[in-house]
Amino acid sequence: MPTYGYRCTKCGNQFEVFQRMSDEPVQTCPKCEGKVTKVLYPSGIVFKGSGYYSTDYKSSGSSDSGNGSGPTTESKPEAKPESKSDSTD
């Protein structure tokens, strides 16, 4: 059974109620009998399974996307400037 949070619009009292999902929501504040609204709590996101992180793709043949998310262990050859053999005097 989930816990629902409520806040009174009249006195500001904030309280939680442990109730079934099929139960009717609380309508009045237990302190002042004022109208209440539900309080939404942020929930954490849990990604299960493979494929959500760049570290999940560690095959040697794949290329890095280059997003700069971390250091890479692969060494890349440095680009050499092209030498011009045709010189005009």
C-alpha atoms as a PDB file:
ATOM      1  CA  MET A   1       0.000   0.000   0.000  1.00  0.00           C
ATOM      2  CA  PRO A   2       1.423   3.395  -0.951  1.00  0.00           C
ATOM      3  CA  THR A   3       1.812   6.423   1.271  1.00  0.00           C
ATOM      4  CA  TYR A   4       0.177   9.622  -0.003  1.00  0.00           C
ATOM      5  CA  GLY A   5       1.179  13.106   1.067  1.00  0.00           C
ATOM      6  CA  TYR A   6      -1.335  15.929   1.515  1.00  0.00           C
ATOM      7  CA  ARG A   7      -1.076  19.659   2.284  1.00  0.00           C
ATOM      8  CA  CYS A   8      -3.844  21.839   3.695  1.00  0.00           C
ATOM      9  CA  THR A   9      -4.569  24.947   1.637  1.00  0.00           C
ATOM     10  CA  LYS A  10      -5.950  26.755   4.706  1.00  0.00           C
ATOM     11  CA  CYS A  11      -3.418  26.156   7.513  1.00  0.00           C
ATOM     12  CA  GLY A  12      -0.479  24.665   5.577  1.00  0.00           C
ATOM     13  CA  ASN A  13      -0.461  21.443   7.594  1.00  0.00           C
ATOM     14  CA  GLN A  14       1.387  18.718   5.695  1.00  0.00           C
ATOM     15  CA  PHE A  15       0.689  15.070   6.501  1.00  0.00           C
ATOM     16  CA  GLU A  16       0.944  11.577   5.032  1.00  0.00           C
ATOM     17  CA  VAL A  17      -1.687   8.871   4.849  1.00  0.00           C
ATOM     18  CA  PHE A  18      -1.005   5.166   4.304  1.00  0.00           C
ATOM     19  CA  GLN A  19      -3.931   3.972   2.169  1.00  0.00           C
ATOM     20  CA  ARG A  20      -4.897   1.670  -0.676  1.00  0.00           C
ATOM     21  CA  MET A  21      -4.950   2.913  -4.255  1.00  0.00           C
ATOM     22  CA  SER A  22      -8.665   2.084  -4.419  1.00  0.00           C
ATOM     23  CA  ASP A  23      -9.454   4.216  -1.330  1.00  0.00           C
ATOM     24  CA  GLU A  24     -10.978   7.656  -1.768  1.00  0.00           C
ATOM     25  CA  PRO A  25      -8.425  10.493  -1.436  1.00  0.00           C
ATOM     26  CA  VAL A  26      -8.471  12.586   1.730  1.00  0.00           C
ATOM     27  CA  GLN A  27     -10.588  15.723   1.283  1.00  0.00           C
ATOM     28  CA  THR A  28     -10.212  17.605   4.586  1.00  0.00           C
ATOM     29  CA  CYS A  29      -7.381  18.505   6.935  1.00  0.00           C
ATOM     30  CA  PRO A  30      -7.421  16.637  10.268  1.00  0.00           C
ATOM     31  CA  LYS A  31      -6.397  19.850  12.139  1.00  0.00           C
ATOM     32  CA  CYS A  32      -8.625  22.608  10.733  1.00  0.00           C
ATOM     33  CA  GLU A  33     -11.065  20.774   8.411  1.00  0.00           C
ATOM     34  CA  GLY A  34      -9.760  22.849   5.468  1.00  0.00           C
ATOM     35  CA  LYS A  35      -9.413  21.625   1.893  1.00  0.00           C
ATOM     36  CA  VAL A  36      -6.282  19.553   1.096  1.00  0.00           C
ATOM     37  CA  THR A  37      -4.278  18.918  -2.070  1.00  0.00           C
ATOM     38  CA  LYS A  38      -2.026  15.974  -2.879  1.00  0.00           C
ATOM     39  CA  VAL A  39       1.731  16.491  -2.631  1.00  0.00           C
ATOM     40  CA  LEU A  40       3.736  14.913  -5.425  1.00  0.00           C
ATOM     41  CA  TYR A  41       7.055  13.388  -4.460  1.00  0.00           C
ATOM     42  CA  PRO A  42       9.844  12.934  -7.014  1.00  0.00           C
ATOM     43  CA  SER A  43      10.785   9.348  -7.620  1.00  0.00           C
ATOM     44  CA  GLY A  44      14.172   8.003  -8.543  1.00  0.00           C
ATOM     45  CA  ILE A  45      14.656   6.428 -11.938  1.00  0.00           C
ATOM     46  CA  VAL A  46      16.370   3.063 -12.083  1.00  0.00           C
ATOM     47  CA  PHE A  47      17.556   1.786 -15.452  1.00  0.00           C
ATOM     48  CA  LYS A  48      17.817  -1.986 -15.461  1.00  0.00           C
ATOM     49  CA  GLY A  49      19.406  -3.973 -18.218  1.00  0.00           C
ATOM     50  CA  SER A  50      22.170  -3.254 -20.651  1.00  0.00           C
ATOM     51  CA  GLY A  51      22.312  -0.512 -23.218  1.00  0.00           C
ATOM     52  CA  TYR A  52      21.746   2.574 -21.091  1.00  0.00           C
ATOM     53  CA  TYR A  53      25.328   3.683 -20.573  1.00  0.00           C
ATOM     54  CA  SER A  54      28.246   4.250 -22.928  1.00  0.00           C
ATOM     55  CA  THR A  55      30.288   1.864 -20.800  1.00  0.00           C
ATOM     56  CA  ASP A  56      27.981  -0.977 -21.847  1.00  0.00           C
ATOM     57  CA  TYR A  57      29.444  -0.911 -25.358  1.00  0.00           C
ATOM     58  CA  LYS A  58      33.046  -2.027 -24.894  1.00  0.00           C
ATOM     59  CA  SER A  59      33.588  -3.969 -28.102  1.00  0.00           C
ATOM     60  CA  SER A  60      36.952  -3.245 -29.710  1.00  0.00           C
ATOM     61  CA  GLY A  61      35.515  -2.673 -33.193  1.00  0.00           C
ATOM     62  CA  SER A  62      33.090   0.112 -32.318  1.00  0.00           C
ATOM     63  CA  SER A  63      34.007   3.750 -32.657  1.00  0.00           C
ATOM     64  CA  ASP A  64      33.561   6.267 -29.871  1.00  0.00           C
ATOM     65  CA  SER A  65      30.895   8.925 -30.336  1.00  0.00           C
ATOM     66  CA  GLY A  66      33.322  11.580 -29.089  1.00  0.00           C
ATOM     67  CA  ASN A  67      30.940  13.147 -26.610  1.00  0.00           C
ATOM     68  CA  GLY A  68      33.762  13.801 -24.137  1.00  0.00           C
ATOM     69  CA  SER A  69      32.098  11.882 -21.329  1.00  0.00           C
ATOM     70  CA  GLY A  70      35.368  10.440 -20.097  1.00  0.00           C
ATOM     71  CA  PRO A  71      38.897   9.431 -20.940  1.00  0.00           C
ATOM     72  CA  THR A  72      39.408   6.801 -23.586  1.00  0.00           C
ATOM     73  CA  THR A  73      42.048   4.090 -23.493  1.00  0.00           C
ATOM     74  CA  GLU A  74      42.393   3.810 -27.256  1.00  0.00           C
ATOM     75  CA  SER A  75      45.255   5.767 -28.811  1.00  0.00           C
ATOM     76  CA  LYS A  76      44.503   7.591 -32.023  1.00  0.00           C
ATOM     77  CA  PRO A  77      47.216   8.364 -34.571  1.00  0.00           C
ATOM     78  CA  GLU A  78      48.007  12.042 -34.804  1.00  0.00           C
ATOM     79  CA  ALA A  79      47.200  13.788 -38.051  1.00  0.00           C
ATOM     80  CA  LYS A  80      50.286  14.930 -39.922  1.00  0.00           C
ATOM     81  CA  PRO A  81      50.097  18.077 -42.047  1.00  0.00           C
ATOM     82  CA  GLU A  82      50.370  17.392 -45.742  1.00  0.00           C
ATOM     83  CA  SER A  83      53.581  18.593 -47.322  1.00  0.00           C
ATOM     84  CA  LYS A  84      53.220  20.550 -50.505  1.00  0.00           C
ATOM     85  CA  SER A  85      55.461  19.194 -53.240  1.00  0.00           C
ATOM     86  CA  ASP A  86      54.293  21.769 -55.777  1.00  0.00           C
ATOM     87  CA  SER A  87      55.799  25.073 -54.833  1.00  0.00           C
ATOM     88  CA  THR A  88      55.383  28.079 -56.993  1.00  0.00           C
ATOM     89  CA  ASP A  89      58.185  30.590 -56.966  1.00  0.00           C
END
